Amino acid sequence: MIGRIAALALATALIPAPAGAKVAVTQACSENVAPVATAPLTTIRDGKIWGRIELRRDTCHQYWAYLKLNSPITSSSSRATAVLVYWEDGVQRPGFTCNSPGGNGYITVDQTSCRTGKISWTLIDAFMATGHYDILPEGGAWTGIATGRTERAPGDI
């Protein structure tokens, strides 16, 4: 049965539309929209601004976090990432980093920006973007030296 349905769907797709017929066009989601919220990425020690974190939304109401540094990372013992935090049914979820599926990876040597994967606003109460710049001391664990976070924004805007 499934094979017949697939064959019918393929055959139907190959039949050209009659002249003058209106054909549905799927519109791509544009990312050319102003950020929902922005905040500086500042050093923890002295408040120097190292970049900005943005909560972004496309025209299909999919949200993501974007981090832009003022200058490229120069050391292999440094990295930075954006985190898309969200609330579902009133509960804060862990969120997604640039290194999560759909993201383009941590900001590392010679890079200045990264983005997380997108999440649709459906069933999401709110979103927030955070950014982190971390260093790895010799023999130590990743330690944050700069951070930033946007205001929390409702998911249905």
N, C-alpha and C. Protein backbone atom coordinates (compact mmCIF):
# COMPACT_ATOMS: atom_id res chain seq x y z
N MET A 1 0.82 -1.20 0.00
CA MET A 1 0.00 0.00 0.00
C MET A 1 0.86 1.26 0.00
N ILE A 2 1.90 1.28 0.87
CA ILE A 2 2.77 2.45 0.95
C ILE A 2 3.47 2.68 -0.37
N GLY A 3 3.88 1.60 -1.03
CA GLY A 3 4.55 1.71 -2.33
C GLY A 3 3.64 2.36 -3.36
N ARG A 4 2.32 2.01 -3.37
CA ARG A 4 1.38 2.60 -4.31
C ARG A 4 1.19 4.09 -4.03
N ILE A 5 1.14 4.45 -2.75
CA ILE A 5 0.97 5.86 -2.38
C ILE A 5 2.18 6.66 -2.83
N ALA A 6 3.38 6.12 -2.61
CA ALA A 6 4.61 6.81 -3.02
C ALA A 6 4.65 6.96 -4.53
N ALA A 7 4.26 5.91 -5.27
CA ALA A 7 4.27 5.97 -6.73
C ALA A 7 3.27 7.00 -7.22
N LEU A 8 2.06 7.05 -6.61
CA LEU A 8 1.06 8.03 -6.99
C LEU A 8 1.55 9.45 -6.71
N ALA A 9 2.20 9.65 -5.55
CA ALA A 9 2.73 10.98 -5.22
C ALA A 9 3.79 11.41 -6.22
N LEU A 10 4.66 10.48 -6.62
CA LEU A 10 5.70 10.80 -7.60
C LEU A 10 5.08 11.11 -8.94
N ALA A 11 4.12 10.31 -9.39
CA ALA A 11 3.47 10.54 -10.68
C ALA A 11 2.75 11.88 -10.68
N THR A 12 2.08 12.20 -9.60
CA THR A 12 1.36 13.47 -9.50
C THR A 12 2.32 14.64 -9.54
N ALA A 13 3.47 14.49 -8.90
CA ALA A 13 4.47 15.57 -8.88
C ALA A 13 5.04 15.83 -10.26
N LEU A 14 5.04 14.82 -11.12
CA LEU A 14 5.63 14.97 -12.45
C LEU A 14 4.65 15.53 -13.47
N ILE A 15 3.36 15.62 -13.13
CA ILE A 15 2.36 16.16 -14.05
C ILE A 15 2.42 17.68 -13.98
N PRO A 16 2.67 18.35 -15.09
CA PRO A 16 2.74 19.81 -15.05
C PRO A 16 1.38 20.42 -14.74
N ALA A 17 1.39 21.58 -14.10
CA ALA A 17 0.16 22.29 -13.79
C ALA A 17 -0.43 22.84 -15.08
N PRO A 18 -1.76 22.86 -15.18
CA PRO A 18 -2.38 23.43 -16.38
C PRO A 18 -2.01 24.90 -16.54
N ALA A 19 -2.01 25.36 -17.77
CA ALA A 19 -1.69 26.76 -18.05
C ALA A 19 -2.65 27.66 -17.28
N GLY A 20 -2.14 28.69 -16.66
CA GLY A 20 -2.94 29.65 -15.92
C GLY A 20 -3.30 29.22 -14.51
N ALA A 21 -2.91 27.99 -14.11
CA ALA A 21 -3.23 27.52 -12.76
C ALA A 21 -2.35 28.22 -11.74
N LYS A 22 -2.92 28.47 -10.57
CA LYS A 22 -2.14 29.07 -9.49
C LYS A 22 -1.42 27.94 -8.75
N VAL A 23 -0.12 28.05 -8.66
CA VAL A 23 0.69 27.03 -8.00
C VAL A 23 1.17 27.61 -6.68
N ALA A 24 0.99 26.85 -5.61
CA ALA A 24 1.46 27.30 -4.29
C ALA A 24 2.98 27.42 -4.30
N VAL A 25 3.48 28.50 -3.76
CA VAL A 25 4.92 28.72 -3.68
C VAL A 25 5.31 28.72 -2.21
N THR A 26 6.28 27.91 -1.87
CA THR A 26 6.77 27.88 -0.49
C THR A 26 7.77 29.01 -0.33
N GLN A 27 7.52 29.87 0.63
CA GLN A 27 8.38 31.02 0.84
C GLN A 27 9.44 30.67 1.89
N ALA A 28 10.67 30.99 1.61
CA ALA A 28 11.76 30.75 2.56
C ALA A 28 11.66 31.74 3.71
N CYS A 29 12.18 31.34 4.83
CA CYS A 29 12.19 32.21 6.01
C CYS A 29 13.37 33.17 5.89
N SER A 30 13.10 34.44 6.01
CA SER A 30 14.16 35.44 5.93
C SER A 30 14.76 35.71 7.31
N GLU A 31 16.07 35.81 7.36
CA GLU A 31 16.76 36.17 8.60
C GLU A 31 17.08 37.66 8.64
N ASN A 32 16.64 38.38 7.63
CA ASN A 32 16.91 39.80 7.53
C ASN A 32 15.91 40.60 8.39
N VAL A 33 15.98 40.33 9.69
CA VAL A 33 15.09 40.95 10.67
C VAL A 33 15.97 41.49 11.80
N ALA A 34 15.59 42.62 12.35
CA ALA A 34 16.36 43.17 13.47
C ALA A 34 16.37 42.20 14.65
N PRO A 35 17.45 42.18 15.44
CA PRO A 35 17.49 41.29 16.61
C PRO A 35 16.32 41.59 17.56
N VAL A 36 15.84 40.55 18.22
CA VAL A 36 14.79 40.71 19.22
C VAL A 36 15.37 41.41 20.45
N ALA A 37 16.60 41.03 20.82
CA ALA A 37 17.27 41.63 21.98
C ALA A 37 18.78 41.51 21.80
N THR A 38 19.52 42.47 22.34
CA THR A 38 20.99 42.42 22.29
C THR A 38 21.54 42.80 23.66
N ALA A 39 22.78 42.38 23.91
CA ALA A 39 23.46 42.74 25.15
C ALA A 39 24.95 42.66 24.90
N PRO A 40 25.74 43.44 25.64
CA PRO A 40 27.19 43.35 25.48
C PRO A 40 27.75 42.08 26.11
N LEU A 41 28.83 41.59 25.54
CA LEU A 41 29.62 40.51 26.15
C LEU A 41 30.76 41.22 26.87
N THR A 42 30.76 41.18 28.19
CA THR A 42 31.73 41.95 28.96
C THR A 42 32.61 41.04 29.79
N THR A 43 33.84 41.50 30.03
CA THR A 43 34.75 40.73 30.86
C THR A 43 34.27 40.76 32.30
N ILE A 44 34.46 39.66 32.98
CA ILE A 44 34.00 39.52 34.36
C ILE A 44 34.82 40.41 35.29
N ARG A 45 36.10 40.55 35.00
CA ARG A 45 37.00 41.30 35.89
C ARG A 45 36.77 42.81 35.85
N ASP A 46 36.74 43.40 34.62
CA ASP A 46 36.69 44.87 34.56
C ASP A 46 35.56 45.44 33.70
N GLY A 47 34.69 44.59 33.16
CA GLY A 47 33.55 45.08 32.39
C GLY A 47 33.87 45.56 30.98
N LYS A 48 35.07 45.29 30.48
CA LYS A 48 35.43 45.67 29.11
C LYS A 48 34.54 44.91 28.13
N ILE A 49 34.05 45.59 27.11
CA ILE A 49 33.16 44.96 26.12
C ILE A 49 33.99 44.24 25.06
N TRP A 50 33.77 42.92 24.95
CA TRP A 50 34.48 42.08 23.98
C TRP A 50 33.63 41.71 22.79
N GLY A 51 32.35 42.03 22.82
CA GLY A 51 31.47 41.68 21.72
C GLY A 51 30.02 41.89 22.11
N ARG A 52 29.12 41.21 21.37
CA ARG A 52 27.70 41.34 21.69
C ARG A 52 27.00 40.00 21.47
N ILE A 53 25.99 39.77 22.28
CA ILE A 53 25.14 38.58 22.16
C ILE A 53 23.78 39.06 21.66
N GLU A 54 23.19 38.30 20.75
CA GLU A 54 21.90 38.68 20.18
C GLU A 54 20.91 37.52 20.24
N LEU A 55 19.69 37.82 20.56
CA LEU A 55 18.58 36.89 20.40
C LEU A 55 17.96 37.25 19.06
N ARG A 56 17.95 36.29 18.13
CA ARG A 56 17.48 36.54 16.77
C ARG A 56 16.21 35.74 16.48
N ARG A 57 15.44 36.23 15.49
CA ARG A 57 14.22 35.55 15.05
C ARG A 57 14.09 35.77 13.55
N ASP A 58 13.68 34.71 12.83
CA ASP A 58 13.44 34.88 11.40
C ASP A 58 11.95 35.14 11.14
N THR A 59 11.58 35.30 9.87
CA THR A 59 10.19 35.61 9.54
C THR A 59 9.24 34.43 9.76
N CYS A 60 9.76 33.25 10.02
CA CYS A 60 8.93 32.09 10.34
C CYS A 60 8.86 31.85 11.86
N HIS A 61 9.31 32.82 12.64
CA HIS A 61 9.29 32.76 14.10
C HIS A 61 10.12 31.63 14.67
N GLN A 62 11.27 31.41 14.06
CA GLN A 62 12.26 30.49 14.61
C GLN A 62 13.34 31.34 15.27
N TYR A 63 13.74 30.96 16.47
CA TYR A 63 14.68 31.75 17.26
C TYR A 63 16.05 31.08 17.31
N TRP A 64 17.10 31.89 17.45
CA TRP A 64 18.45 31.39 17.65
C TRP A 64 19.26 32.46 18.37
N ALA A 65 20.41 32.06 18.90
CA ALA A 65 21.32 33.00 19.56
C ALA A 65 22.53 33.19 18.65
N TYR A 66 23.06 34.42 18.64
CA TYR A 66 24.20 34.77 17.80
C TYR A 66 25.20 35.55 18.65
N LEU A 67 26.46 35.17 18.58
CA LEU A 67 27.51 35.87 19.32
C LEU A 67 28.52 36.43 18.33
N LYS A 68 28.84 37.72 18.46
CA LYS A 68 29.81 38.39 17.60
C LYS A 68 30.87 39.04 18.49
N LEU A 69 32.13 38.59 18.35
CA LEU A 69 33.25 39.17 19.10
C LEU A 69 33.81 40.37 18.36
N ASN A 70 34.41 41.30 19.09
CA ASN A 70 35.02 42.48 18.47
C ASN A 70 36.28 42.14 17.71
N SER A 71 36.97 41.08 18.12
CA SER A 71 38.18 40.67 17.42
C SER A 71 38.31 39.14 17.48
N PRO A 72 39.07 38.56 16.55
CA PRO A 72 39.19 37.10 16.51
C PRO A 72 39.90 36.53 17.74
N ILE A 73 39.57 35.30 18.06
CA ILE A 73 40.28 34.57 19.12
C ILE A 73 41.67 34.23 18.59
N THR A 74 42.67 34.40 19.45
CA THR A 74 44.06 34.20 19.02
C THR A 74 44.74 33.00 19.66
N SER A 75 44.12 32.37 20.64
CA SER A 75 44.75 31.27 21.37
C SER A 75 43.91 30.00 21.27
N SER A 76 44.57 28.86 21.11
CA SER A 76 43.85 27.58 21.06
C SER A 76 43.30 27.19 22.43
N SER A 77 43.68 27.91 23.47
CA SER A 77 43.14 27.63 24.80
C SER A 77 41.99 28.59 25.15
N SER A 78 41.38 29.18 24.12
CA SER A 78 40.22 30.05 24.29
C SER A 78 39.11 29.61 23.34
N ARG A 79 37.88 29.84 23.77
CA ARG A 79 36.73 29.58 22.91
C ARG A 79 35.57 30.43 23.41
N ALA A 80 34.60 30.63 22.55
CA ALA A 80 33.40 31.38 22.93
C ALA A 80 32.19 30.71 22.29
N THR A 81 31.04 30.92 22.90
CA THR A 81 29.81 30.35 22.35
C THR A 81 28.60 31.17 22.76
N ALA A 82 27.58 31.07 21.96
CA ALA A 82 26.26 31.62 22.29
C ALA A 82 25.43 30.46 22.83
N VAL A 83 24.46 30.78 23.66
CA VAL A 83 23.54 29.77 24.19
C VAL A 83 22.12 30.30 24.02
N LEU A 84 21.26 29.50 23.40
CA LEU A 84 19.85 29.82 23.29
C LEU A 84 19.13 29.11 24.43
N VAL A 85 18.67 29.88 25.40
CA VAL A 85 17.95 29.36 26.56
C VAL A 85 16.46 29.54 26.28
N TYR A 86 15.65 28.57 26.70
CA TYR A 86 14.21 28.72 26.50
C TYR A 86 13.43 28.13 27.66
N TRP A 87 12.18 28.60 27.78
CA TRP A 87 11.27 28.14 28.82
C TRP A 87 10.10 27.45 28.14
N GLU A 88 9.78 26.26 28.61
CA GLU A 88 8.67 25.49 28.08
C GLU A 88 7.79 25.06 29.26
N ASP A 89 6.50 25.37 29.19
CA ASP A 89 5.57 25.09 30.29
C ASP A 89 6.08 25.67 31.62
N GLY A 90 6.68 26.87 31.54
CA GLY A 90 7.16 27.56 32.72
C GLY A 90 8.47 27.05 33.28
N VAL A 91 9.09 26.05 32.63
CA VAL A 91 10.33 25.45 33.13
C VAL A 91 11.48 25.84 32.20
N GLN A 92 12.57 26.35 32.79
CA GLN A 92 13.74 26.70 31.99
C GLN A 92 14.43 25.42 31.52
N ARG A 93 14.72 25.35 30.24
CA ARG A 93 15.41 24.20 29.65
C ARG A 93 16.89 24.52 29.50
N PRO A 94 17.73 23.49 29.35
CA PRO A 94 19.18 23.70 29.28
C PRO A 94 19.63 24.59 28.13
N GLY A 95 18.96 24.56 27.02
CA GLY A 95 19.33 25.40 25.90
C GLY A 95 20.30 24.73 24.95
N PHE A 96 20.67 25.47 23.92
CA PHE A 96 21.54 24.98 22.87
C PHE A 96 22.71 25.93 22.69
N THR A 97 23.90 25.40 22.47
CA THR A 97 25.08 26.22 22.21
C THR A 97 25.37 26.23 20.72
N CYS A 98 26.36 26.97 20.33
CA CYS A 98 26.80 26.96 18.93
C CYS A 98 27.31 25.57 18.53
N ASN A 99 27.72 24.80 19.51
CA ASN A 99 28.25 23.46 19.24
C ASN A 99 27.15 22.40 19.22
N SER A 100 25.90 22.76 19.51
CA SER A 100 24.77 21.84 19.45
C SER A 100 24.35 21.62 17.99
N PRO A 101 23.56 20.58 17.73
CA PRO A 101 23.08 20.35 16.35
C PRO A 101 22.41 21.60 15.78
N GLY A 102 22.74 21.92 14.54
CA GLY A 102 22.19 23.10 13.88
C GLY A 102 23.04 24.34 14.05
N GLY A 103 23.97 24.33 15.00
CA GLY A 103 24.88 25.46 15.20
C GLY A 103 26.10 25.32 14.31
N ASN A 104 26.94 26.34 14.29
CA ASN A 104 28.13 26.27 13.45
C ASN A 104 29.42 26.10 14.26
N GLY A 105 29.33 25.65 15.49
CA GLY A 105 30.51 25.34 16.30
C GLY A 105 30.99 26.51 17.14
N TYR A 106 31.80 26.18 18.15
CA TYR A 106 32.38 27.21 19.01
C TYR A 106 33.19 28.19 18.18
N ILE A 107 33.32 29.42 18.69
CA ILE A 107 34.25 30.38 18.10
C ILE A 107 35.63 29.97 18.60
N THR A 108 36.56 29.74 17.67
CA THR A 108 37.92 29.34 18.02
C THR A 108 38.91 30.23 17.27
N VAL A 109 40.15 29.83 17.21
CA VAL A 109 41.23 30.64 16.63
C VAL A 109 40.84 31.22 15.26
N ASP A 110 41.07 32.51 15.12
CA ASP A 110 40.83 33.29 13.90
C ASP A 110 39.35 33.47 13.55
N GLN A 111 38.44 33.17 14.46
CA GLN A 111 37.01 33.34 14.21
C GLN A 111 36.44 34.42 15.13
N THR A 112 35.30 35.01 14.70
CA THR A 112 34.68 36.07 15.50
C THR A 112 33.20 35.86 15.78
N SER A 113 32.56 34.85 15.20
CA SER A 113 31.13 34.72 15.44
C SER A 113 30.66 33.27 15.40
N CYS A 114 29.53 33.04 16.04
CA CYS A 114 28.87 31.74 15.95
C CYS A 114 27.38 31.92 16.18
N ARG A 115 26.63 30.89 15.82
CA ARG A 115 25.20 30.88 16.01
C ARG A 115 24.74 29.50 16.43
N THR A 116 23.65 29.48 17.18
CA THR A 116 23.06 28.21 17.59
C THR A 116 22.11 27.73 16.49
N GLY A 117 21.62 26.53 16.63
CA GLY A 117 20.53 26.07 15.79
C GLY A 117 19.26 26.84 16.14
N LYS A 118 18.24 26.69 15.32
CA LYS A 118 16.98 27.41 15.52
C LYS A 118 15.95 26.54 16.25
N ILE A 119 15.08 27.21 16.99
CA ILE A 119 13.94 26.56 17.64
C ILE A 119 12.69 27.34 17.26
N SER A 120 11.65 26.65 16.85
CA SER A 120 10.38 27.28 16.53
C SER A 120 9.72 27.76 17.83
N TRP A 121 8.98 28.84 17.75
CA TRP A 121 8.33 29.40 18.93
C TRP A 121 7.18 28.54 19.44
N THR A 122 6.69 27.60 18.65
CA THR A 122 5.55 26.78 19.04
C THR A 122 5.78 26.12 20.39
N LEU A 123 4.85 26.32 21.31
CA LEU A 123 4.87 25.76 22.66
C LEU A 123 6.01 26.26 23.54
N ILE A 124 6.71 27.29 23.13
CA ILE A 124 7.79 27.87 23.93
C ILE A 124 7.27 29.15 24.58
N ASP A 125 7.48 29.26 25.89
CA ASP A 125 7.01 30.43 26.63
C ASP A 125 7.88 31.66 26.38
N ALA A 126 9.21 31.46 26.39
CA ALA A 126 10.13 32.59 26.27
C ALA A 126 11.51 32.11 25.84
N PHE A 127 12.30 33.06 25.34
CA PHE A 127 13.68 32.80 24.91
C PHE A 127 14.61 33.84 25.53
N MET A 128 15.88 33.48 25.65
CA MET A 128 16.93 34.40 26.07
C MET A 128 18.24 33.90 25.44
N ALA A 129 19.11 34.82 25.09
CA ALA A 129 20.43 34.46 24.55
C ALA A 129 21.50 34.84 25.57
N THR A 130 22.44 33.94 25.78
CA THR A 130 23.60 34.24 26.61
C THR A 130 24.86 33.96 25.81
N GLY A 131 25.94 34.61 26.19
CA GLY A 131 27.22 34.39 25.53
C GLY A 131 28.30 34.17 26.57
N HIS A 132 29.27 33.34 26.22
CA HIS A 132 30.36 33.02 27.14
C HIS A 132 31.68 32.97 26.40
N TYR A 133 32.69 33.59 26.97
CA TYR A 133 34.07 33.51 26.46
C TYR A 133 34.86 32.80 27.54
N ASP A 134 35.46 31.67 27.20
CA ASP A 134 36.14 30.84 28.18
C ASP A 134 37.61 30.61 27.81
N ILE A 135 38.43 30.39 28.84
CA ILE A 135 39.83 30.01 28.62
C ILE A 135 40.08 28.67 29.33
N LEU A 136 41.08 27.98 28.85
CA LEU A 136 41.46 26.69 29.44
C LEU A 136 42.87 26.81 29.99
N PRO A 137 43.00 27.07 31.31
CA PRO A 137 44.33 27.16 31.90
C PRO A 137 45.01 25.80 31.82
N GLU A 138 46.32 25.80 31.73
CA GLU A 138 47.06 24.54 31.65
C GLU A 138 46.70 23.65 32.84
N GLY A 139 46.23 22.45 32.54
CA GLY A 139 45.87 21.49 33.58
C GLY A 139 44.57 21.80 34.29
N GLY A 140 43.85 22.79 33.84
CA GLY A 140 42.61 23.18 34.52
C GLY A 140 41.37 22.86 33.72
N ALA A 141 40.27 23.45 34.13
CA ALA A 141 38.99 23.29 33.44
C ALA A 141 38.62 24.61 32.77
N TRP A 142 37.72 24.56 31.78
CA TRP A 142 37.28 25.78 31.11
C TRP A 142 36.73 26.76 32.14
N THR A 143 37.20 28.00 32.05
CA THR A 143 36.84 29.04 33.01
C THR A 143 36.32 30.26 32.25
N GLY A 144 35.16 30.76 32.65
CA GLY A 144 34.59 31.93 32.00
C GLY A 144 35.32 33.20 32.37
N ILE A 145 35.61 34.04 31.34
CA ILE A 145 36.24 35.33 31.60
C ILE A 145 35.40 36.49 31.07
N ALA A 146 34.41 36.19 30.23
CA ALA A 146 33.50 37.22 29.74
C ALA A 146 32.12 36.59 29.55
N THR A 147 31.10 37.38 29.78
CA THR A 147 29.74 36.85 29.67
C THR A 147 28.77 37.97 29.30
N GLY A 148 27.61 37.58 28.83
CA GLY A 148 26.55 38.53 28.52
C GLY A 148 25.24 37.78 28.35
N ARG A 149 24.14 38.50 28.56
CA ARG A 149 22.84 37.87 28.33
C ARG A 149 21.81 38.92 27.98
N THR A 150 20.92 38.54 27.09
CA THR A 150 19.86 39.44 26.68
C THR A 150 18.71 39.37 27.69
N GLU A 151 17.77 40.26 27.53
CA GLU A 151 16.54 40.17 28.30
C GLU A 151 15.75 38.96 27.80
N ARG A 152 14.93 38.44 28.65
CA ARG A 152 14.04 37.35 28.28
C ARG A 152 12.92 37.91 27.40
N ALA A 153 12.61 37.22 26.31
CA ALA A 153 11.57 37.68 25.38
C ALA A 153 10.52 36.59 25.20
N PRO A 154 9.24 36.98 25.11
CA PRO A 154 8.19 35.97 24.89
C PRO A 154 8.38 35.26 23.56
N GLY A 155 7.99 33.99 23.53
CA GLY A 155 8.19 33.19 22.33
C GLY A 155 7.25 33.49 21.18
N ASP A 156 6.18 34.23 21.42
CA ASP A 156 5.20 34.43 20.37
C ASP A 156 5.28 35.80 19.70
N ILE A 157 6.43 36.46 19.75
CA ILE A 157 6.53 37.77 19.08
C ILE A 157 7.01 37.62 17.65
